[in-house]
Amino acid sequence: MPAESPAPYLSVVIPVFNEEINILESIRRVDAFMGFAGWEWELIISNDGSTDRTEFLVKGALNDRTDKRIRLITVEENRGKGAAARRGVLAATGKYILVTDA
């Protein structure tokens, strides 16, 4: 049985609503910084009922990755930034949690 990976040091939560223009660059920047920092990390994209291509783009980015550090949480109905942030924080497993915009 393979060993479980250690719990992340940092969980980054990005609540999103219609962020198709920014989301891929946000993912790229978080990935680049965390690789430089050398911490165990995870990124949680909390999609709050986007009506544009945000979900499609994130799913495509996830399919292109071999690791599972990035997760997408989606709800169909927009409930607001606070609700999206809360969903992401509740799903986070890191010792520390950072909530940031895309």
PDB file of N, CA and C in Angstrom:
ATOM      1  N   MET A   1       0.852  -1.182   0.000  1.00  0.00           N
ATOM      2  CA  MET A   1       0.000   0.000   0.000  1.00  0.00           C
ATOM      3  C   MET A   1       0.898   1.246   0.000  1.00  0.00           C
ATOM      4  N   PRO A   2       0.666   2.199  -0.922  1.00  0.00           N
ATOM      5  CA  PRO A   2       1.500   3.388  -0.965  1.00  0.00           C
ATOM      6  C   PRO A   2       1.284   4.259   0.268  1.00  0.00           C
ATOM      7  N   ALA A   3       2.367   4.929   0.655  1.00  0.00           N
ATOM      8  CA  ALA A   3       2.285   5.826   1.807  1.00  0.00           C
ATOM      9  C   ALA A   3       1.440   7.047   1.452  1.00  0.00           C
ATOM     10  N   GLU A   4       0.683   7.497   2.431  1.00  0.00           N
ATOM     11  CA  GLU A   4      -0.115   8.702   2.205  1.00  0.00           C
ATOM     12  C   GLU A   4       0.795   9.920   2.190  1.00  0.00           C
ATOM     13  N   SER A   5       0.468  10.898   1.359  1.00  0.00           N
ATOM     14  CA  SER A   5       1.255  12.114   1.361  1.00  0.00           C
ATOM     15  C   SER A   5       0.947  12.911   2.629  1.00  0.00           C
ATOM     16  N   PRO A   6       1.934  13.666   3.084  1.00  0.00           N
ATOM     17  CA  PRO A   6       1.712  14.432   4.306  1.00  0.00           C
ATOM     18  C   PRO A   6       0.649  15.505   4.098  1.00  0.00           C
ATOM     19  N   ALA A   7       0.037  15.904   5.196  1.00  0.00           N
ATOM     20  CA  ALA A   7      -0.958  16.981   5.118  1.00  0.00           C
ATOM     21  C   ALA A   7      -0.264  18.240   4.613  1.00  0.00           C
ATOM     22  N   PRO A   8      -0.949  19.019   3.817  1.00  0.00           N
ATOM     23  CA  PRO A   8      -0.342  20.252   3.306  1.00  0.00           C
ATOM     24  C   PRO A   8      -0.010  21.233   4.426  1.00  0.00           C
ATOM     25  N   TYR A   9       1.063  21.947   4.220  1.00  0.00           N
ATOM     26  CA  TYR A   9       1.408  23.039   5.128  1.00  0.00           C
ATOM     27  C   TYR A   9       0.443  24.200   4.902  1.00  0.00           C
ATOM     28  N   LEU A  10       0.141  24.469   3.626  1.00  0.00           N
ATOM     29  CA  LEU A  10      -0.708  25.605   3.272  1.00  0.00           C
ATOM     30  C   LEU A  10      -1.797  25.184   2.294  1.00  0.00           C
ATOM     31  N   SER A  11      -3.007  25.568   2.601  1.00  0.00           N
ATOM     32  CA  SER A  11      -4.132  25.425   1.675  1.00  0.00           C
ATOM     33  C   SER A  11      -4.458  26.813   1.139  1.00  0.00           C
ATOM     34  N   VAL A  12      -4.473  26.951  -0.171  1.00  0.00           N
ATOM     35  CA  VAL A  12      -4.862  28.209  -0.812  1.00  0.00           C
ATOM     36  C   VAL A  12      -6.268  28.003  -1.360  1.00  0.00           C
ATOM     37  N   VAL A  13      -7.187  28.866  -0.946  1.00  0.00           N
ATOM     38  CA  VAL A  13      -8.578  28.785  -1.380  1.00  0.00           C
ATOM     39  C   VAL A  13      -8.876  30.002  -2.250  1.00  0.00           C
ATOM     40  N   ILE A  14      -9.376  29.750  -3.455  1.00  0.00           N
ATOM     41  CA  ILE A  14      -9.774  30.837  -4.351  1.00  0.00           C
ATOM     42  C   ILE A  14     -11.260  30.685  -4.659  1.00  0.00           C
ATOM     43  N   PRO A  15     -12.105  31.540  -4.057  1.00  0.00           N
ATOM     44  CA  PRO A  15     -13.519  31.533  -4.427  1.00  0.00           C
ATOM     45  C   PRO A  15     -13.670  32.236  -5.785  1.00  0.00           C
ATOM     46  N   VAL A  16     -14.413  31.624  -6.700  1.00  0.00           N
ATOM     47  CA  VAL A  16     -14.531  32.206  -8.038  1.00  0.00           C
ATOM     48  C   VAL A  16     -15.977  32.267  -8.504  1.00  0.00           C
ATOM     49  N   PHE A  17     -16.256  33.302  -9.272  1.00  0.00           N
ATOM     50  CA  PHE A  17     -17.511  33.444  -9.989  1.00  0.00           C
ATOM     51  C   PHE A  17     -17.201  34.161 -11.294  1.00  0.00           C
ATOM     52  N   ASN A  18     -17.380  33.466 -12.410  1.00  0.00           N
ATOM     53  CA  ASN A  18     -17.123  34.022 -13.742  1.00  0.00           C
ATOM     54  C   ASN A  18     -15.714  34.627 -13.857  1.00  0.00           C
ATOM     55  N   GLU A  19     -14.710  33.790 -13.628  1.00  0.00           N
ATOM     56  CA  GLU A  19     -13.309  34.210 -13.673  1.00  0.00           C
ATOM     57  C   GLU A  19     -12.553  33.573 -14.838  1.00  0.00           C
ATOM     58  N   GLU A  20     -13.247  33.303 -15.937  1.00  0.00           N
ATOM     59  CA  GLU A  20     -12.587  32.626 -17.050  1.00  0.00           C
ATOM     60  C   GLU A  20     -11.368  33.395 -17.563  1.00  0.00           C
ATOM     61  N   ILE A  21     -11.351  34.688 -17.434  1.00  0.00           N
ATOM     62  CA  ILE A  21     -10.232  35.487 -17.928  1.00  0.00           C
ATOM     63  C   ILE A  21      -9.001  35.334 -17.034  1.00  0.00           C
ATOM     64  N   ASN A  22      -9.193  35.162 -15.729  1.00  0.00           N
ATOM     65  CA  ASN A  22      -8.082  35.164 -14.781  1.00  0.00           C
ATOM     66  C   ASN A  22      -7.692  33.806 -14.214  1.00  0.00           C
ATOM     67  N   ILE A  23      -8.551  32.825 -14.245  1.00  0.00           N
ATOM     68  CA  ILE A  23      -8.343  31.625 -13.431  1.00  0.00           C
ATOM     69  C   ILE A  23      -7.117  30.817 -13.821  1.00  0.00           C
ATOM     70  N   LEU A  24      -6.845  30.634 -15.088  1.00  0.00           N
ATOM     71  CA  LEU A  24      -5.683  29.831 -15.470  1.00  0.00           C
ATOM     72  C   LEU A  24      -4.380  30.499 -15.051  1.00  0.00           C
ATOM     73  N   GLU A  25      -4.291  31.797 -15.183  1.00  0.00           N
ATOM     74  CA  GLU A  25      -3.099  32.526 -14.742  1.00  0.00           C
ATOM     75  C   GLU A  25      -2.973  32.474 -13.222  1.00  0.00           C
ATOM     76  N   SER A  26      -4.089  32.527 -12.515  1.00  0.00           N
ATOM     77  CA  SER A  26      -4.052  32.413 -11.053  1.00  0.00           C
ATOM     78  C   SER A  26      -3.522  31.051 -10.629  1.00  0.00           C
ATOM     79  N   ILE A  27      -3.989  30.006 -11.271  1.00  0.00           N
ATOM     80  CA  ILE A  27      -3.503  28.656 -10.967  1.00  0.00           C
ATOM     81  C   ILE A  27      -2.015  28.562 -11.249  1.00  0.00           C
ATOM     82  N   ARG A  28      -1.599  29.084 -12.381  1.00  0.00           N
ATOM     83  CA  ARG A  28      -0.182  29.043 -12.768  1.00  0.00           C
ATOM     84  C   ARG A  28       0.680  29.757 -11.739  1.00  0.00           C
ATOM     85  N   ARG A  29       0.230  30.920 -11.286  1.00  0.00           N
ATOM     86  CA  ARG A  29       1.023  31.699 -10.328  1.00  0.00           C
ATOM     87  C   ARG A  29       1.105  31.026  -8.959  1.00  0.00           C
ATOM     88  N   VAL A  30       0.001  30.475  -8.503  1.00  0.00           N
ATOM     89  CA  VAL A  30       0.023  29.763  -7.217  1.00  0.00           C
ATOM     90  C   VAL A  30       0.975  28.571  -7.328  1.00  0.00           C
ATOM     91  N   ASP A  31       0.862  27.807  -8.399  1.00  0.00           N
ATOM     92  CA  ASP A  31       1.716  26.647  -8.612  1.00  0.00           C
ATOM     93  C   ASP A  31       3.191  27.050  -8.642  1.00  0.00           C
ATOM     94  N   ALA A  32       3.514  28.111  -9.357  1.00  0.00           N
ATOM     95  CA  ALA A  32       4.904  28.558  -9.465  1.00  0.00           C
ATOM     96  C   ALA A  32       5.441  29.020  -8.111  1.00  0.00           C
ATOM     97  N   PHE A  33       4.670  29.806  -7.387  1.00  0.00           N
ATOM     98  CA  PHE A  33       5.145  30.289  -6.090  1.00  0.00           C
ATOM     99  C   PHE A  33       5.323  29.150  -5.099  1.00  0.00           C
ATOM    100  N   MET A  34       4.363  28.253  -5.048  1.00  0.00           N
ATOM    101  CA  MET A  34       4.444  27.151  -4.090  1.00  0.00           C
ATOM    102  C   MET A  34       5.611  26.222  -4.427  1.00  0.00           C
ATOM    103  N   GLY A  35       5.878  26.037  -5.697  1.00  0.00           N
ATOM    104  CA  GLY A  35       7.050  25.244  -6.086  1.00  0.00           C
ATOM    105  C   GLY A  35       8.333  25.897  -5.622  1.00  0.00           C
ATOM    106  N   PHE A  36       8.390  27.204  -5.692  1.00  0.00           N
ATOM    107  CA  PHE A  36       9.552  27.960  -5.245  1.00  0.00           C
ATOM    108  C   PHE A  36       9.678  27.908  -3.724  1.00  0.00           C
ATOM    109  N   ALA A  37       8.550  28.001  -3.010  1.00  0.00           N
ATOM    110  CA  ALA A  37       8.558  28.024  -1.548  1.00  0.00           C
ATOM    111  C   ALA A  37       8.973  26.673  -0.966  1.00  0.00           C
ATOM    112  N   GLY A  38       8.659  25.596  -1.674  1.00  0.00           N
ATOM    113  CA  GLY A  38       9.048  24.275  -1.216  1.00  0.00           C
ATOM    114  C   GLY A  38       8.149  23.669  -0.149  1.00  0.00           C
ATOM    115  N   TRP A  39       6.975  24.212   0.058  1.00  0.00           N
ATOM    116  CA  TRP A  39       6.039  23.692   1.050  1.00  0.00           C
ATOM    117  C   TRP A  39       5.145  22.620   0.427  1.00  0.00           C
ATOM    118  N   GLU A  40       4.601  21.767   1.288  1.00  0.00           N
ATOM    119  CA  GLU A  40       3.488  20.918   0.866  1.00  0.00           C
ATOM    120  C   GLU A  40       2.274  21.841   0.789  1.00  0.00           C
ATOM    121  N   TRP A  41       1.491  21.744  -0.264  1.00  0.00           N
ATOM    122  CA  TRP A  41       0.388  22.683  -0.454  1.00  0.00           C
ATOM    123  C   TRP A  41      -0.742  22.034  -1.228  1.00  0.00           C
ATOM    124  N   GLU A  42      -1.866  22.726  -1.184  1.00  0.00           N
ATOM    125  CA  GLU A  42      -3.013  22.363  -2.014  1.00  0.00           C
ATOM    126  C   GLU A  42      -3.691  23.667  -2.448  1.00  0.00           C
ATOM    127  N   LEU A  43      -4.378  23.604  -3.559  1.00  0.00           N
ATOM    128  CA  LEU A  43      -5.143  24.737  -4.066  1.00  0.00           C
ATOM    129  C   LEU A  43      -6.574  24.273  -4.267  1.00  0.00           C
ATOM    130  N   ILE A  44      -7.499  25.000  -3.669  1.00  0.00           N
ATOM    131  CA  ILE A  44      -8.912  24.676  -3.804  1.00  0.00           C
ATOM    132  C   ILE A  44      -9.603  25.820  -4.531  1.00  0.00           C
ATOM    133  N   ILE A  45     -10.149  25.515  -5.690  1.00  0.00           N
ATOM    134  CA  ILE A  45     -10.932  26.480  -6.456  1.00  0.00           C
ATOM    135  C   ILE A  45     -12.390  26.222  -6.081  1.00  0.00           C
ATOM    136  N   SER A  46     -13.030  27.205  -5.467  1.00  0.00           N
ATOM    137  CA  SER A  46     -14.426  27.074  -5.054  1.00  0.00           C
ATOM    138  C   SER A  46     -15.298  27.866  -6.020  1.00  0.00           C
ATOM    139  N   ASN A  47     -15.854  27.157  -6.990  1.00  0.00           N
ATOM    140  CA  ASN A  47     -16.645  27.770  -8.051  1.00  0.00           C
ATOM    141  C   ASN A  47     -18.080  27.985  -7.578  1.00  0.00           C
ATOM    142  N   ASP A  48     -18.497  29.230  -7.561  1.00  0.00           N
ATOM    143  CA  ASP A  48     -19.793  29.615  -7.008  1.00  0.00           C
ATOM    144  C   ASP A  48     -20.834  29.831  -8.104  1.00  0.00           C
ATOM    145  N   GLY A  49     -21.106  28.781  -8.881  1.00  0.00           N
ATOM    146  CA  GLY A  49     -22.155  28.862  -9.890  1.00  0.00           C
ATOM    147  C   GLY A  49     -21.809  29.710 -11.095  1.00  0.00           C
ATOM    148  N   SER A  50     -20.556  29.704 -11.506  1.00  0.00           N
ATOM    149  CA  SER A  50     -20.157  30.494 -12.675  1.00  0.00           C
ATOM    150  C   SER A  50     -20.993  30.134 -13.893  1.00  0.00           C
ATOM    151  N   THR A  51     -21.302  31.140 -14.693  1.00  0.00           N
ATOM    152  CA  THR A  51     -22.078  30.928 -15.915  1.00  0.00           C
ATOM    153  C   THR A  51     -21.213  31.061 -17.165  1.00  0.00           C
ATOM    154  N   ASP A  52     -19.935  31.338 -16.976  1.00  0.00           N
ATOM    155  CA  ASP A  52     -19.014  31.417 -18.104  1.00  0.00           C
ATOM    156  C   ASP A  52     -18.235  30.096 -18.194  1.00  0.00           C
ATOM    157  N   ARG A  53     -17.026  30.115 -18.737  1.00  0.00           N
ATOM    158  CA  ARG A  53     -16.245  28.892 -18.933  1.00  0.00           C
ATOM    159  C   ARG A  53     -15.270  28.600 -17.789  1.00  0.00           C
ATOM    160  N   THR A  54     -15.445  29.212 -16.638  1.00  0.00           N
ATOM    161  CA  THR A  54     -14.523  29.018 -15.521  1.00  0.00           C
ATOM    162  C   THR A  54     -14.375  27.542 -15.170  1.00  0.00           C
ATOM    163  N   GLU A  55     -15.477  26.864 -14.933  1.00  0.00           N
ATOM    164  CA  GLU A  55     -15.427  25.449 -14.542  1.00  0.00           C
ATOM    165  C   GLU A  55     -14.758  24.603 -15.620  1.00  0.00           C
ATOM    166  N   PHE A  56     -15.107  24.821 -16.871  1.00  0.00           N
ATOM    167  CA  PHE A  56     -14.531  24.087 -17.994  1.00  0.00           C
ATOM    168  C   PHE A  56     -13.016  24.258 -18.043  1.00  0.00           C
ATOM    169  N   LEU A  57     -12.539  25.492 -17.863  1.00  0.00           N
ATOM    170  CA  LEU A  57     -11.104  25.767 -17.915  1.00  0.00           C
ATOM    171  C   LEU A  57     -10.361  25.126 -16.751  1.00  0.00           C
ATOM    172  N   VAL A  58     -10.932  25.183 -15.565  1.00  0.00           N
ATOM    173  CA  VAL A  58     -10.285  24.569 -14.406  1.00  0.00           C
ATOM    174  C   VAL A  58     -10.228  23.052 -14.584  1.00  0.00           C
ATOM    175  N   LYS A  59     -11.318  22.445 -15.031  1.00  0.00           N
ATOM    176  CA  LYS A  59     -11.321  20.994 -15.257  1.00  0.00           C
ATOM    177  C   LYS A  59     -10.253  20.611 -16.284  1.00  0.00           C
ATOM    178  N   GLY A  60     -10.103  21.409 -17.316  1.00  0.00           N
ATOM    179  CA  GLY A  60      -9.063  21.148 -18.312  1.00  0.00           C
ATOM    180  C   GLY A  60      -7.671  21.229 -17.712  1.00  0.00           C
ATOM    181  N   ALA A  61      -7.450  22.221 -16.873  1.00  0.00           N
ATOM    182  CA  ALA A  61      -6.148  22.352 -16.209  1.00  0.00           C
ATOM    183  C   ALA A  61      -5.890  21.171 -15.280  1.00  0.00           C
ATOM    184  N   LEU A  62      -6.923  20.693 -14.603  1.00  0.00           N
ATOM    185  CA  LEU A  62      -6.766  19.554 -13.696  1.00  0.00           C
ATOM    186  C   LEU A  62      -6.457  18.276 -14.468  1.00  0.00           C
ATOM    187  N   ASN A  63      -7.073  18.112 -15.622  1.00  0.00           N
ATOM    188  CA  ASN A  63      -6.833  16.920 -16.437  1.00  0.00           C
ATOM    189  C   ASN A  63      -5.405  16.871 -16.973  1.00  0.00           C
ATOM    190  N   ASP A  64      -4.765  18.035 -17.099  1.00  0.00           N
ATOM    191  CA  ASP A  64      -3.406  18.111 -17.620  1.00  0.00           C
ATOM    192  C   ASP A  64      -2.348  17.843 -16.553  1.00  0.00           C
ATOM    193  N   ARG A  65      -2.757  17.681 -15.301  1.00  0.00           N
ATOM    194  CA  ARG A  65      -1.814  17.519 -14.188  1.00  0.00           C
ATOM    195  C   ARG A  65      -1.725  16.061 -13.754  1.00  0.00           C
ATOM    196  N   THR A  66      -0.543  15.691 -13.283  1.00  0.00           N
ATOM    197  CA  THR A  66      -0.381  14.343 -12.739  1.00  0.00           C
ATOM    198  C   THR A  66      -0.591  14.337 -11.228  1.00  0.00           C
ATOM    199  N   ASP A  67      -0.344  15.446 -10.554  1.00  0.00           N
ATOM    200  CA  ASP A  67      -0.560  15.474  -9.103  1.00  0.00           C
ATOM    201  C   ASP A  67      -1.989  15.916  -8.805  1.00  0.00           C
ATOM    202  N   LYS A  68      -2.379  15.742  -7.581  1.00  0.00           N
ATOM    203  CA  LYS A  68      -3.754  16.063  -7.170  1.00  0.00           C
ATOM    204  C   LYS A  68      -3.777  17.205  -6.160  1.00  0.00           C
ATOM    205  N   ARG A  69      -2.862  18.146  -6.286  1.00  0.00           N
ATOM    206  CA  ARG A  69      -2.790  19.278  -5.359  1.00  0.00           C
ATOM    207  C   ARG A  69      -3.898  20.292  -5.573  1.00  0.00           C
ATOM    208  N   ILE A  70      -4.483  20.273  -6.735  1.00  0.00           N
ATOM    209  CA  ILE A  70      -5.511  21.255  -7.056  1.00  0.00           C
ATOM    210  C   ILE A  70      -6.850  20.547  -7.133  1.00  0.00           C
ATOM    211  N   ARG A  71      -7.837  21.117  -6.439  1.00  0.00           N
ATOM    212  CA  ARG A  71      -9.179  20.539  -6.427  1.00  0.00           C
ATOM    213  C   ARG A  71     -10.187  21.618  -6.822  1.00  0.00           C
ATOM    214  N   LEU A  72     -11.265  21.178  -7.413  1.00  0.00           N
ATOM    215  CA  LEU A  72     -12.362  22.058  -7.807  1.00  0.00           C
ATOM    216  C   LEU A  72     -13.614  21.648  -7.047  1.00  0.00           C
ATOM    217  N   ILE A  73     -14.230  22.629  -6.413  1.00  0.00           N
ATOM    218  CA  ILE A  73     -15.523  22.438  -5.766  1.00  0.00           C
ATOM    219  C   ILE A  73     -16.500  23.328  -6.518  1.00  0.00           C
ATOM    220  N   THR A  74     -17.603  22.770  -6.986  1.00  0.00           N
ATOM    221  CA  THR A  74     -18.564  23.553  -7.757  1.00  0.00           C
ATOM    222  C   THR A  74     -19.962  23.399  -7.194  1.00  0.00           C
ATOM    223  N   VAL A  75     -20.677  24.504  -7.114  1.00  0.00           N
ATOM    224  CA  VAL A  75     -22.112  24.484  -6.837  1.00  0.00           C
ATOM    225  C   VAL A  75     -22.795  25.152  -8.021  1.00  0.00           C
ATOM    226  N   GLU A  76     -23.996  24.747  -8.304  1.00  0.00           N
ATOM    227  CA  GLU A  76     -24.712  25.248  -9.475  1.00  0.00           C
ATOM    228  C   GLU A  76     -25.293  26.648  -9.264  1.00  0.00           C
ATOM    229  N   GLU A  77     -25.687  26.963  -8.046  1.00  0.00           N
ATOM    230  CA  GLU A  77     -26.345  28.236  -7.766  1.00  0.00           C
ATOM    231  C   GLU A  77     -25.374  29.202  -7.084  1.00  0.00           C
ATOM    232  N   ASN A  78     -25.313  30.425  -7.608  1.00  0.00           N
ATOM    233  CA  ASN A  78     -24.465  31.457  -7.013  1.00  0.00           C
ATOM    234  C   ASN A  78     -25.003  31.854  -5.642  1.00  0.00           C
ATOM    235  N   ARG A  79     -24.174  31.702  -4.629  1.00  0.00           N
ATOM    236  CA  ARG A  79     -24.571  32.031  -3.253  1.00  0.00           C
ATOM    237  C   ARG A  79     -23.721  33.142  -2.657  1.00  0.00           C
ATOM    238  N   GLY A  80     -22.781  33.667  -3.409  1.00  0.00           N
ATOM    239  CA  GLY A  80     -21.970  34.771  -2.937  1.00  0.00           C
ATOM    240  C   GLY A  80     -20.561  34.348  -2.565  1.00  0.00           C
ATOM    241  N   LYS A  81     -19.692  35.349  -2.524  1.00  0.00           N
ATOM    242  CA  LYS A  81     -18.276  35.103  -2.265  1.00  0.00           C
ATOM    243  C   LYS A  81     -18.041  34.472  -0.899  1.00  0.00           C
ATOM    244  N   GLY A  82     -18.756  34.928   0.105  1.00  0.00           N
ATOM    245  CA  GLY A  82     -18.584  34.383   1.448  1.00  0.00           C
ATOM    246  C   GLY A  82     -18.892  32.899   1.509  1.00  0.00           C
ATOM    247  N   ALA A  83     -19.967  32.490   0.847  1.00  0.00           N
ATOM    248  CA  ALA A  83     -20.342  31.075   0.828  1.00  0.00           C
ATOM    249  C   ALA A  83     -19.294  30.258   0.084  1.00  0.00           C
ATOM    250  N   ALA A  84     -18.782  30.793  -1.011  1.00  0.00           N
ATOM    251  CA  ALA A  84     -17.754  30.081  -1.777  1.00  0.00           C
ATOM    252  C   ALA A  84     -16.478  29.960  -0.961  1.00  0.00           C
ATOM    253  N   ALA A  85     -16.090  31.017  -0.278  1.00  0.00           N
ATOM    254  CA  ALA A  85     -14.897  30.978   0.565  1.00  0.00           C
ATOM    255  C   ALA A  85     -15.080  29.953   1.688  1.00  0.00           C
ATOM    256  N   ARG A  86     -16.235  29.956   2.301  1.00  0.00           N
ATOM    257  CA  ARG A  86     -16.515  29.021   3.401  1.00  0.00           C
ATOM    258  C   ARG A  86     -16.427  27.575   2.920  1.00  0.00           C
ATOM    259  N   ARG A  87     -17.011  27.273   1.762  1.00  0.00           N
ATOM    260  CA  ARG A  87     -16.933  25.916   1.214  1.00  0.00           C
ATOM    261  C   ARG A  87     -15.477  25.491   1.022  1.00  0.00           C
ATOM    262  N   GLY A  88     -14.693  26.403   0.481  1.00  0.00           N
ATOM    263  CA  GLY A  88     -13.282  26.088   0.252  1.00  0.00           C
ATOM    264  C   GLY A  88     -12.513  25.873   1.544  1.00  0.00           C
ATOM    265  N   VAL A  89     -12.756  26.720   2.526  1.00  0.00           N
ATOM    266  CA  VAL A  89     -12.070  26.592   3.817  1.00  0.00           C
ATOM    267  C   VAL A  89     -12.458  25.278   4.492  1.00  0.00           C
ATOM    268  N   LEU A  90     -13.726  24.914   4.436  1.00  0.00           N
ATOM    269  CA  LEU A  90     -14.165  23.662   5.053  1.00  0.00           C
ATOM    270  C   LEU A  90     -13.560  22.439   4.362  1.00  0.00           C
ATOM    271  N   ALA A  91     -13.233  22.554   3.087  1.00  0.00           N
ATOM    272  CA  ALA A  91     -12.626  21.446   2.354  1.00  0.00           C
ATOM    273  C   ALA A  91     -11.107  21.396   2.521  1.00  0.00           C
ATOM    274  N   ALA A  92     -10.517  22.467   3.015  1.00  0.00           N
ATOM    275  CA  ALA A  92      -9.065  22.565   3.144  1.00  0.00           C
ATOM    276  C   ALA A  92      -8.535  21.598   4.198  1.00  0.00           C
ATOM    277  N   THR A  93      -7.337  21.072   3.947  1.00  0.00           N
ATOM    278  CA  THR A  93      -6.708  20.151   4.888  1.00  0.00           C
ATOM    279  C   THR A  93      -5.367  20.663   5.403  1.00  0.00           C
ATOM    280  N   GLY A  94      -4.967  21.848   4.995  1.00  0.00           N
ATOM    281  CA  GLY A  94      -3.669  22.373   5.386  1.00  0.00           C
ATOM    282  C   GLY A  94      -3.621  22.881   6.819  1.00  0.00           C
ATOM    283  N   LYS A  95      -2.397  22.976   7.340  1.00  0.00           N
ATOM    284  CA  LYS A  95      -2.178  23.534   8.670  1.00  0.00           C
ATOM    285  C   LYS A  95      -2.600  25.001   8.699  1.00  0.00           C
ATOM    286  N   TYR A  96      -2.297  25.713   7.612  1.00  0.00           N
ATOM    287  CA  TYR A  96      -2.687  27.110   7.458  1.00  0.00           C
ATOM    288  C   TYR A  96      -3.535  27.243   6.207  1.00  0.00           C
ATOM    289  N   ILE A  97      -4.442  28.226   6.214  1.00  0.00           N
ATOM    290  CA  ILE A  97      -5.337  28.430   5.083  1.00  0.00           C
ATOM    291  C   ILE A  97      -5.264  29.890   4.642  1.00  0.00           C
ATOM    292  N   LEU A  98      -5.074  30.096   3.365  1.00  0.00           N
ATOM    293  CA  LEU A  98      -5.059  31.426   2.760  1.00  0.00           C
ATOM    294  C   LEU A  98      -6.218  31.517   1.787  1.00  0.00           C
ATOM    295  N   VAL A  99      -7.084  32.496   1.977  1.00  0.00           N
ATOM    296  CA  VAL A  99      -8.179  32.751   1.038  1.00  0.00           C
ATOM    297  C   VAL A  99      -7.790  33.984   0.240  1.00  0.00           C
ATOM    298  N   THR A 100      -7.822  33.858  -1.077  1.00  0.00           N
ATOM    299  CA  THR A 100      -7.396  34.964  -1.939  1.00  0.00           C
ATOM    300  C   THR A 100      -8.276  35.035  -3.180  1.00  0.00           C
ATOM    301  N   ASP A 101      -8.267  36.183  -3.826  1.00  0.00           N
ATOM    302  CA  ASP A 101      -9.009  36.362  -5.070  1.00  0.00           C
ATOM    303  C   ASP A 101      -8.218  35.800  -6.241  1.00  0.00           C
ATOM    304  N   ALA A 102      -8.919  35.550  -7.343  1.00  0.00           N
ATOM    305  CA  ALA A 102      -8.271  35.030  -8.557  1.00  0.00           C
ATOM    306  C   ALA A 102      -7.408  36.097  -9.200  1.00  0.00           C
TER     307      ALA A 102
END
